[in-house]
């Protein structure tokens, strides 16, 4: 018999927040990436260079495939140190082609080396962050997508970015790949309107762009 004053302890089921409807999002690593990284404005040089290279490797694959291999990619590509990658030779290409922990595609590996060389050339003039974010649209016309079926695969901005990067010698930077980059580093906020990250990422984007505008005004 239950003692007077004692009540049974009720188990409260934690409600999951509403998220985007990506295939495979039930994977814990993918959920963490969605909730903490995708759509958050990124201005760090190494992080942007890494994402640029990894988006190229993703071409034709799912991002979840790359995400599961990302730590191994970092180890195999010297922490995405562009100076080291730019100096890779035939021995390094052979080493990477034999590494099952990454995507073993010779054209993409050689493209990463060429992109590292292009990055170093660009760095003599401006940062990669300034170059990429120079294409970013201000969030005046904030997206409020109801489903992923209506989210564009590329835009006029990603086409312009792609052309500019190709002209500078970067590889695997097509318009669709560059739009995926823009989404992932917060240049656009393509979380669905119903997603719990849509509002926070929109605010982060506005704050980030305002800070960049203020910094640019200080330099001029």
C-alpha atoms as a PDB file:
ATOM      1  CA  UNK A   1       0.000   0.000   0.000  1.00  0.00           C
ATOM      2  CA  UNK A   2       1.358   3.455  -0.968  1.00  0.00           C
ATOM      3  CA  UNK A   3       2.321   5.648   1.982  1.00  0.00           C
ATOM      4  CA  UNK A   4       0.172   8.719   2.492  1.00  0.00           C
ATOM      5  CA  UNK A   5       1.625  11.790   0.806  1.00  0.00           C
ATOM      6  CA  UNK A   6       3.722   9.840  -1.706  1.00  0.00           C
ATOM      7  CA  UNK A   7       2.820   9.989  -5.372  1.00  0.00           C
ATOM      8  CA  UNK A   8       4.093   7.835  -8.188  1.00  0.00           C
ATOM      9  CA  UNK A   9       6.917   9.458 -10.156  1.00  0.00           C
ATOM     10  CA  UNK A  10       5.755  10.294 -13.650  1.00  0.00           C
ATOM     11  CA  UNK A  11       8.102   9.897 -16.579  1.00  0.00           C
ATOM     12  CA  UNK A  12       8.069  12.976 -18.747  1.00  0.00           C
ATOM     13  CA  UNK A  13       8.864  12.296 -22.378  1.00  0.00           C
ATOM     14  CA  UNK A  14      11.159  14.932 -23.818  1.00  0.00           C
ATOM     15  CA  UNK A  15       9.626  16.464 -26.923  1.00  0.00           C
ATOM     16  CA  UNK A  16      11.973  16.679 -29.902  1.00  0.00           C
ATOM     17  CA  UNK A  17      12.050  20.080 -31.609  1.00  0.00           C
ATOM     18  CA  UNK A  18      10.728  20.377 -35.149  1.00  0.00           C
ATOM     19  CA  UNK A  19      13.566  20.078 -37.639  1.00  0.00           C
ATOM     20  CA  UNK A  20      14.137  20.157 -41.377  1.00  0.00           C
ATOM     21  CA  UNK A  21      13.109  16.980 -43.182  1.00  0.00           C
ATOM     22  CA  UNK A  22      16.498  15.854 -44.451  1.00  0.00           C
ATOM     23  CA  UNK A  23      16.861  12.156 -45.332  1.00  0.00           C
ATOM     24  CA  UNK A  24      18.999  10.487 -42.669  1.00  0.00           C
ATOM     25  CA  UNK A  25      18.483  13.190 -40.065  1.00  0.00           C
ATOM     26  CA  UNK A  26      17.737  10.518 -37.469  1.00  0.00           C
ATOM     27  CA  UNK A  27      21.491   9.880 -37.361  1.00  0.00           C
ATOM     28  CA  UNK A  28      22.749  11.525 -34.120  1.00  0.00           C
ATOM     29  CA  UNK A  29      25.802  13.064 -35.793  1.00  0.00           C
ATOM     30  CA  UNK A  30      23.629  14.518 -38.547  1.00  0.00           C
ATOM     31  CA  UNK A  31      21.142  15.865 -35.997  1.00  0.00           C
ATOM     32  CA  UNK A  32      23.970  17.583 -34.109  1.00  0.00           C
ATOM     33  CA  UNK A  33      25.308  19.065 -37.350  1.00  0.00           C
ATOM     34  CA  UNK A  34      21.851  20.378 -38.257  1.00  0.00           C
ATOM     35  CA  UNK A  35      21.234  21.844 -34.813  1.00  0.00           C
ATOM     36  CA  UNK A  36      24.615  23.452 -34.210  1.00  0.00           C
ATOM     37  CA  UNK A  37      26.444  24.046 -37.486  1.00  0.00           C
ATOM     38  CA  UNK A  38      24.336  24.139 -40.658  1.00  0.00           C
ATOM     39  CA  UNK A  39      23.177  27.668 -41.413  1.00  0.00           C
ATOM     40  CA  UNK A  40      25.351  29.296 -38.745  1.00  0.00           C
ATOM     41  CA  UNK A  41      27.428  32.135 -40.277  1.00  0.00           C
ATOM     42  CA  UNK A  42      31.067  31.092 -40.593  1.00  0.00           C
ATOM     43  CA  UNK A  43      33.901  33.559 -41.048  1.00  0.00           C
ATOM     44  CA  UNK A  44      36.926  31.502 -40.009  1.00  0.00           C
ATOM     45  CA  UNK A  45      39.426  31.051 -42.847  1.00  0.00           C
ATOM     46  CA  UNK A  46      40.399  27.445 -42.151  1.00  0.00           C
ATOM     47  CA  UNK A  47      36.794  26.395 -41.569  1.00  0.00           C
ATOM     48  CA  UNK A  48      35.676  28.035 -44.830  1.00  0.00           C
ATOM     49  CA  UNK A  49      38.513  26.454 -46.803  1.00  0.00           C
ATOM     50  CA  UNK A  50      37.710  23.056 -45.292  1.00  0.00           C
ATOM     51  CA  UNK A  51      34.026  23.392 -46.140  1.00  0.00           C
ATOM     52  CA  UNK A  52      34.868  24.516 -49.694  1.00  0.00           C
ATOM     53  CA  UNK A  53      36.992  21.403 -50.224  1.00  0.00           C
ATOM     54  CA  UNK A  54      34.547  19.028 -48.555  1.00  0.00           C
ATOM     55  CA  UNK A  55      31.599  20.374 -50.541  1.00  0.00           C
ATOM     56  CA  UNK A  56      33.596  19.504 -53.647  1.00  0.00           C
ATOM     57  CA  UNK A  57      34.120  15.967 -52.383  1.00  0.00           C
ATOM     58  CA  UNK A  58      30.404  15.734 -51.624  1.00  0.00           C
ATOM     59  CA  UNK A  59      29.472  16.283 -55.271  1.00  0.00           C
ATOM     60  CA  UNK A  60      27.355  13.289 -56.284  1.00  0.00           C
ATOM     61  CA  UNK A  61      27.163  12.024 -52.700  1.00  0.00           C
ATOM     62  CA  UNK A  62      25.187  12.855 -49.561  1.00  0.00           C
ATOM     63  CA  UNK A  63      26.571  15.243 -46.962  1.00  0.00           C
ATOM     64  CA  UNK A  64      26.029  12.547 -44.330  1.00  0.00           C
ATOM     65  CA  UNK A  65      28.621  10.433 -46.140  1.00  0.00           C
ATOM     66  CA  UNK A  66      31.129  13.274 -45.904  1.00  0.00           C
ATOM     67  CA  UNK A  67      30.185  14.104 -42.323  1.00  0.00           C
ATOM     68  CA  UNK A  68      30.929  10.552 -41.212  1.00  0.00           C
ATOM     69  CA  UNK A  69      34.351  10.809 -42.853  1.00  0.00           C
ATOM     70  CA  UNK A  70      35.114  14.421 -41.870  1.00  0.00           C
ATOM     71  CA  UNK A  71      37.485  13.657 -39.002  1.00  0.00           C
ATOM     72  CA  UNK A  72      39.424  11.275 -41.208  1.00  0.00           C
ATOM     73  CA  UNK A  73      39.509  13.876 -43.996  1.00  0.00           C
ATOM     74  CA  UNK A  74      41.005  16.355 -41.520  1.00  0.00           C
ATOM     75  CA  UNK A  75      43.742  13.927 -40.557  1.00  0.00           C
ATOM     76  CA  UNK A  76      44.457  12.884 -44.153  1.00  0.00           C
ATOM     77  CA  UNK A  77      44.604  16.479 -45.412  1.00  0.00           C
ATOM     78  CA  UNK A  78      46.826  17.867 -42.633  1.00  0.00           C
ATOM     79  CA  UNK A  79      44.023  19.698 -40.858  1.00  0.00           C
ATOM     80  CA  UNK A  80      43.180  21.453 -44.148  1.00  0.00           C
ATOM     81  CA  UNK A  81      46.370  23.466 -43.978  1.00  0.00           C
ATOM     82  CA  UNK A  82      46.279  25.029 -47.448  1.00  0.00           C
ATOM     83  CA  UNK A  83      50.042  25.561 -47.615  1.00  0.00           C
ATOM     84  CA  UNK A  84      50.705  21.869 -46.987  1.00  0.00           C
ATOM     85  CA  UNK A  85      47.998  20.711 -49.393  1.00  0.00           C
ATOM     86  CA  UNK A  86      49.246  23.058 -52.124  1.00  0.00           C
ATOM     87  CA  UNK A  87      52.592  21.276 -51.959  1.00  0.00           C
ATOM     88  CA  UNK A  88      51.195  17.756 -52.316  1.00  0.00           C
ATOM     89  CA  UNK A  89      52.807  15.662 -55.052  1.00  0.00           C
ATOM     90  CA  UNK A  90      52.305  12.273 -56.653  1.00  0.00           C
ATOM     91  CA  UNK A  91      53.231  10.477 -53.428  1.00  0.00           C
ATOM     92  CA  UNK A  92      50.470  12.282 -51.536  1.00  0.00           C
ATOM     93  CA  UNK A  93      47.916  11.587 -54.251  1.00  0.00           C
ATOM     94  CA  UNK A  94      48.818   7.885 -54.084  1.00  0.00           C
ATOM     95  CA  UNK A  95      48.582   7.991 -50.282  1.00  0.00           C
ATOM     96  CA  UNK A  96      45.127   9.552 -50.405  1.00  0.00           C
ATOM     97  CA  UNK A  97      43.915   7.188 -53.120  1.00  0.00           C
ATOM     98  CA  UNK A  98      44.828   4.297 -50.818  1.00  0.00           C
ATOM     99  CA  UNK A  99      43.012   5.809 -47.814  1.00  0.00           C
ATOM    100  CA  UNK A 100      39.619   4.143 -47.350  1.00  0.00           C
ATOM    101  CA  UNK A 101      38.690   6.732 -44.724  1.00  0.00           C
ATOM    102  CA  UNK A 102      38.091   9.438 -47.350  1.00  0.00           C
ATOM    103  CA  UNK A 103      36.360   9.622 -50.727  1.00  0.00           C
ATOM    104  CA  UNK A 104      38.919   8.083 -53.076  1.00  0.00           C
ATOM    105  CA  UNK A 105      38.351  10.041 -56.261  1.00  0.00           C
ATOM    106  CA  UNK A 106      41.536  11.062 -58.068  1.00  0.00           C
ATOM    107  CA  UNK A 107      39.983  14.050 -59.816  1.00  0.00           C
ATOM    108  CA  UNK A 108      38.608  15.410 -56.537  1.00  0.00           C
ATOM    109  CA  UNK A 109      41.905  14.838 -54.728  1.00  0.00           C
ATOM    110  CA  UNK A 110      43.846  16.592 -57.457  1.00  0.00           C
ATOM    111  CA  UNK A 111      41.165  19.288 -57.486  1.00  0.00           C
ATOM    112  CA  UNK A 112      41.686  19.878 -53.773  1.00  0.00           C
ATOM    113  CA  UNK A 113      45.400  20.445 -54.396  1.00  0.00           C
ATOM    114  CA  UNK A 114      44.675  22.924 -57.184  1.00  0.00           C
ATOM    115  CA  UNK A 115      42.106  24.682 -54.993  1.00  0.00           C
ATOM    116  CA  UNK A 116      44.681  25.000 -52.206  1.00  0.00           C
ATOM    117  CA  UNK A 117      47.078  26.619 -54.655  1.00  0.00           C
ATOM    118  CA  UNK A 118      44.315  28.949 -55.852  1.00  0.00           C
ATOM    119  CA  UNK A 119      43.495  29.811 -52.234  1.00  0.00           C
ATOM    120  CA  UNK A 120      47.082  30.827 -51.519  1.00  0.00           C
ATOM    121  CA  UNK A 121      47.059  33.034 -54.613  1.00  0.00           C
ATOM    122  CA  UNK A 122      43.785  34.637 -53.530  1.00  0.00           C
ATOM    123  CA  UNK A 123      45.145  35.194 -50.025  1.00  0.00           C
ATOM    124  CA  UNK A 124      47.759  37.549 -51.433  1.00  0.00           C
ATOM    125  CA  UNK A 125      44.893  39.905 -52.298  1.00  0.00           C
ATOM    126  CA  UNK A 126      42.113  39.228 -49.794  1.00  0.00           C
ATOM    127  CA  UNK A 127      40.824  36.653 -47.345  1.00  0.00           C
ATOM    128  CA  UNK A 128      38.646  33.793 -48.480  1.00  0.00           C
ATOM    129  CA  UNK A 129      36.018  35.042 -46.027  1.00  0.00           C
ATOM    130  CA  UNK A 130      35.911  38.477 -47.665  1.00  0.00           C
ATOM    131  CA  UNK A 131      35.802  36.909 -51.125  1.00  0.00           C
ATOM    132  CA  UNK A 132      32.959  34.489 -50.377  1.00  0.00           C
ATOM    133  CA  UNK A 133      30.906  36.742 -48.128  1.00  0.00           C
ATOM    134  CA  UNK A 134      31.148  39.466 -50.760  1.00  0.00           C
ATOM    135  CA  UNK A 135      28.563  37.429 -52.662  1.00  0.00           C
ATOM    136  CA  UNK A 136      26.215  36.989 -49.709  1.00  0.00           C
ATOM    137  CA  UNK A 137      22.793  38.552 -49.907  1.00  0.00           C
ATOM    138  CA  UNK A 138      21.525  40.502 -46.934  1.00  0.00           C
ATOM    139  CA  UNK A 139      18.591  38.789 -45.208  1.00  0.00           C
ATOM    140  CA  UNK A 140      16.071  41.459 -46.224  1.00  0.00           C
ATOM    141  CA  UNK A 141      14.058  38.907 -48.176  1.00  0.00           C
ATOM    142  CA  UNK A 142      14.300  36.174 -45.574  1.00  0.00           C
ATOM    143  CA  UNK A 143      13.441  32.732 -46.886  1.00  0.00           C
ATOM    144  CA  UNK A 144      10.501  30.921 -45.361  1.00  0.00           C
ATOM    145  CA  UNK A 145      10.414  27.613 -47.208  1.00  0.00           C
ATOM    146  CA  UNK A 146       7.525  25.282 -46.365  1.00  0.00           C
ATOM    147  CA  UNK A 147       9.249  22.175 -47.752  1.00  0.00           C
ATOM    148  CA  UNK A 148      12.615  21.182 -49.149  1.00  0.00           C
ATOM    149  CA  UNK A 149      11.014  20.530 -52.501  1.00  0.00           C
ATOM    150  CA  UNK A 150      10.835  24.259 -53.196  1.00  0.00           C
ATOM    151  CA  UNK A 151      14.356  25.145 -52.011  1.00  0.00           C
ATOM    152  CA  UNK A 152      16.484  26.039 -55.064  1.00  0.00           C
ATOM    153  CA  UNK A 153      19.507  23.937 -56.018  1.00  0.00           C
ATOM    154  CA  UNK A 154      21.365  27.025 -57.221  1.00  0.00           C
ATOM    155  CA  UNK A 155      20.806  30.764 -57.534  1.00  0.00           C
ATOM    156  CA  UNK A 156      22.157  33.685 -59.524  1.00  0.00           C
ATOM    157  CA  UNK A 157      24.486  34.385 -56.591  1.00  0.00           C
ATOM    158  CA  UNK A 158      25.866  30.846 -56.476  1.00  0.00           C
ATOM    159  CA  UNK A 159      26.369  30.961 -60.258  1.00  0.00           C
ATOM    160  CA  UNK A 160      28.370  34.185 -59.922  1.00  0.00           C
ATOM    161  CA  UNK A 161      30.384  32.762 -57.041  1.00  0.00           C
ATOM    162  CA  UNK A 162      31.121  29.615 -59.030  1.00  0.00           C
ATOM    163  CA  UNK A 163      32.336  31.572 -62.059  1.00  0.00           C
ATOM    164  CA  UNK A 164      34.562  33.784 -59.914  1.00  0.00           C
ATOM    165  CA  UNK A 165      36.138  30.826 -58.106  1.00  0.00           C
ATOM    166  CA  UNK A 166      36.715  28.900 -61.338  1.00  0.00           C
ATOM    167  CA  UNK A 167      38.367  31.951 -62.868  1.00  0.00           C
ATOM    168  CA  UNK A 168      40.824  31.931 -59.972  1.00  0.00           C
ATOM    169  CA  UNK A 169      41.674  28.257 -60.422  1.00  0.00           C
ATOM    170  CA  UNK A 170      39.428  26.571 -57.846  1.00  0.00           C
ATOM    171  CA  UNK A 171      38.041  23.149 -58.771  1.00  0.00           C
ATOM    172  CA  UNK A 172      34.735  21.363 -58.056  1.00  0.00           C
ATOM    173  CA  UNK A 173      33.003  24.652 -57.323  1.00  0.00           C
ATOM    174  CA  UNK A 174      29.954  24.389 -59.574  1.00  0.00           C
ATOM    175  CA  UNK A 175      26.836  26.514 -58.913  1.00  0.00           C
ATOM    176  CA  UNK A 176      24.975  23.740 -57.072  1.00  0.00           C
ATOM    177  CA  UNK A 177      28.015  22.920 -54.944  1.00  0.00           C
ATOM    178  CA  UNK A 178      28.456  26.604 -54.120  1.00  0.00           C
ATOM    179  CA  UNK A 179      24.818  26.964 -53.127  1.00  0.00           C
ATOM    180  CA  UNK A 180      25.279  24.027 -50.751  1.00  0.00           C
ATOM    181  CA  UNK A 181      28.274  25.913 -49.351  1.00  0.00           C
ATOM    182  CA  UNK A 182      26.213  29.075 -48.951  1.00  0.00           C
ATOM    183  CA  UNK A 183      23.545  27.146 -47.069  1.00  0.00           C
ATOM    184  CA  UNK A 184      25.970  25.398 -44.763  1.00  0.00           C
ATOM    185  CA  UNK A 185      27.997  28.481 -43.771  1.00  0.00           C
ATOM    186  CA  UNK A 186      24.977  30.711 -43.215  1.00  0.00           C
ATOM    187  CA  UNK A 187      25.113  32.912 -46.303  1.00  0.00           C
ATOM    188  CA  UNK A 188      21.477  31.980 -46.803  1.00  0.00           C
ATOM    189  CA  UNK A 189      19.050  30.698 -44.187  1.00  0.00           C
ATOM    190  CA  UNK A 190      17.419  27.660 -45.777  1.00  0.00           C
ATOM    191  CA  UNK A 191      16.156  25.970 -42.649  1.00  0.00           C
ATOM    192  CA  UNK A 192      12.453  25.360 -43.212  1.00  0.00           C
ATOM    193  CA  UNK A 193      10.148  27.960 -41.697  1.00  0.00           C
ATOM    194  CA  UNK A 194       8.823  25.287 -39.344  1.00  0.00           C
ATOM    195  CA  UNK A 195      12.320  24.264 -38.182  1.00  0.00           C
ATOM    196  CA  UNK A 196      13.411  25.346 -34.712  1.00  0.00           C
ATOM    197  CA  UNK A 197      16.706  26.620 -36.182  1.00  0.00           C
ATOM    198  CA  UNK A 198      15.165  28.975 -38.734  1.00  0.00           C
ATOM    199  CA  UNK A 199      14.660  31.910 -36.397  1.00  0.00           C
ATOM    200  CA  UNK A 200      17.976  31.643 -34.513  1.00  0.00           C
ATOM    201  CA  UNK A 201      20.009  31.271 -37.714  1.00  0.00           C
ATOM    202  CA  UNK A 202      18.262  34.271 -39.262  1.00  0.00           C
ATOM    203  CA  UNK A 203      19.228  36.392 -36.255  1.00  0.00           C
ATOM    204  CA  UNK A 204      22.810  35.126 -36.341  1.00  0.00           C
ATOM    205  CA  UNK A 205      23.053  35.927 -40.037  1.00  0.00           C
ATOM    206  CA  UNK A 206      21.766  39.476 -39.576  1.00  0.00           C
ATOM    207  CA  UNK A 207      24.166  40.058 -36.669  1.00  0.00           C
ATOM    208  CA  UNK A 208      27.108  38.610 -38.603  1.00  0.00           C
ATOM    209  CA  UNK A 209      26.460  40.737 -41.689  1.00  0.00           C
ATOM    210  CA  UNK A 210      25.975  43.853 -39.592  1.00  0.00           C
ATOM    211  CA  UNK A 211      29.325  43.234 -37.890  1.00  0.00           C
ATOM    212  CA  UNK A 212      31.031  42.713 -41.256  1.00  0.00           C
ATOM    213  CA  UNK A 213      29.484  45.917 -42.583  1.00  0.00           C
ATOM    214  CA  UNK A 214      30.659  47.848 -39.555  1.00  0.00           C
ATOM    215  CA  UNK A 215      34.174  46.397 -39.893  1.00  0.00           C
ATOM    216  CA  UNK A 216      34.258  47.322 -43.575  1.00  0.00           C
ATOM    217  CA  UNK A 217      33.169  50.868 -42.720  1.00  0.00           C
ATOM    218  CA  UNK A 218      35.969  51.122 -40.160  1.00  0.00           C
ATOM    219  CA  UNK A 219      38.571  50.019 -42.696  1.00  0.00           C
ATOM    220  CA  UNK A 220      37.399  52.454 -45.398  1.00  0.00           C
END
